[in-house]
Amino acid sequence: MLAKNVGGIDRILRIVVGAALILAFFLNMDGTYSWLYLIGIVPLATGLMSSCPLYSIVGLNTCPVKK
């Protein structure tokens, strides 16, 4: 299991942006490059899992520090 490295505000933004991009895909399915909106799956999934593999590689962590 991946360690949680996505904090609260970061998580909310990822979920909102991911959902908005997926919604834009369904509202604009006839567009030439509308399939690019499906990239919203990535931020939505990382927001829901609270874990970002890219953050792990780079060494970032936006979760609050445990005391």
Protein backbone atom coordinates (compact mmCIF):
# COMPACT_ATOMS: atom_id res chain seq x y z
CA MET A 1 0.00 0.00 0.00
CA LEU A 2 1.21 3.48 -0.80
CA ALA A 3 1.93 5.85 2.06
CA LYS A 4 -0.41 8.81 2.42
CA ASN A 5 1.39 11.91 1.20
CA VAL A 6 -1.46 14.16 0.03
CA GLY A 7 -2.82 16.62 2.59
CA GLY A 8 -6.28 18.11 3.06
CA ILE A 9 -6.34 21.14 0.75
CA ASP A 10 -4.25 19.34 -1.88
CA ARG A 11 -6.64 16.39 -1.72
CA ILE A 12 -9.76 18.54 -2.11
CA LEU A 13 -8.26 20.40 -5.07
CA ARG A 14 -7.31 17.15 -6.78
CA ILE A 15 -10.81 15.73 -6.37
CA VAL A 16 -12.51 18.91 -7.61
CA VAL A 17 -10.20 19.35 -10.62
CA GLY A 18 -10.40 15.65 -11.53
CA ALA A 19 -14.19 15.59 -11.30
CA ALA A 20 -14.44 18.82 -13.32
CA LEU A 21 -12.25 17.42 -16.11
CA ILE A 22 -14.24 14.19 -16.29
CA LEU A 23 -17.50 16.18 -16.33
CA ALA A 24 -16.09 18.34 -19.14
CA PHE A 25 -15.36 15.16 -21.10
CA PHE A 26 -18.98 14.02 -20.87
CA LEU A 27 -20.31 17.49 -21.74
CA ASN A 28 -18.00 17.82 -24.76
CA MET A 29 -17.72 14.29 -26.18
CA ASP A 30 -17.94 15.49 -29.79
CA GLY A 31 -14.84 17.71 -29.57
CA THR A 32 -11.71 16.81 -31.49
CA TYR A 33 -9.48 16.42 -28.45
CA SER A 34 -12.15 15.79 -25.84
CA TRP A 35 -10.43 12.54 -24.83
CA LEU A 36 -7.73 14.69 -23.20
CA TYR A 37 -10.22 15.54 -20.46
CA LEU A 38 -9.87 11.94 -19.28
CA ILE A 39 -6.55 12.95 -17.74
CA GLY A 40 -8.83 14.02 -14.87
CA ILE A 41 -8.85 10.38 -13.77
CA VAL A 42 -5.31 10.83 -12.42
CA PRO A 43 -5.95 13.70 -9.98
CA LEU A 44 -9.29 12.20 -8.99
CA ALA A 45 -7.72 8.83 -8.17
CA THR A 46 -4.75 10.31 -6.30
CA GLY A 47 -7.09 12.58 -4.35
CA LEU A 48 -9.37 9.72 -3.36
CA MET A 49 -6.42 7.50 -2.36
CA SER A 50 -4.59 10.35 -0.55
CA SER A 51 -1.43 9.10 -2.16
CA CYS A 52 0.53 10.39 -5.14
CA PRO A 53 3.27 8.20 -6.67
CA LEU A 54 4.97 11.27 -8.17
CA TYR A 55 5.15 12.87 -4.72
CA SER A 56 6.84 9.70 -3.45
CA ILE A 57 9.44 9.83 -6.22
CA VAL A 58 10.19 13.53 -5.71
CA GLY A 59 10.01 13.29 -1.91
CA LEU A 60 7.12 15.69 -1.32
CA ASN A 61 4.54 15.31 1.42
CA THR A 62 1.63 17.70 2.02
CA CYS A 63 0.13 15.72 4.91
CA PRO A 64 0.27 17.34 8.33
CA VAL A 65 3.19 16.26 10.50
CA LYS A 66 2.31 13.68 13.15
CA LYS A 67 3.51 14.66 16.63
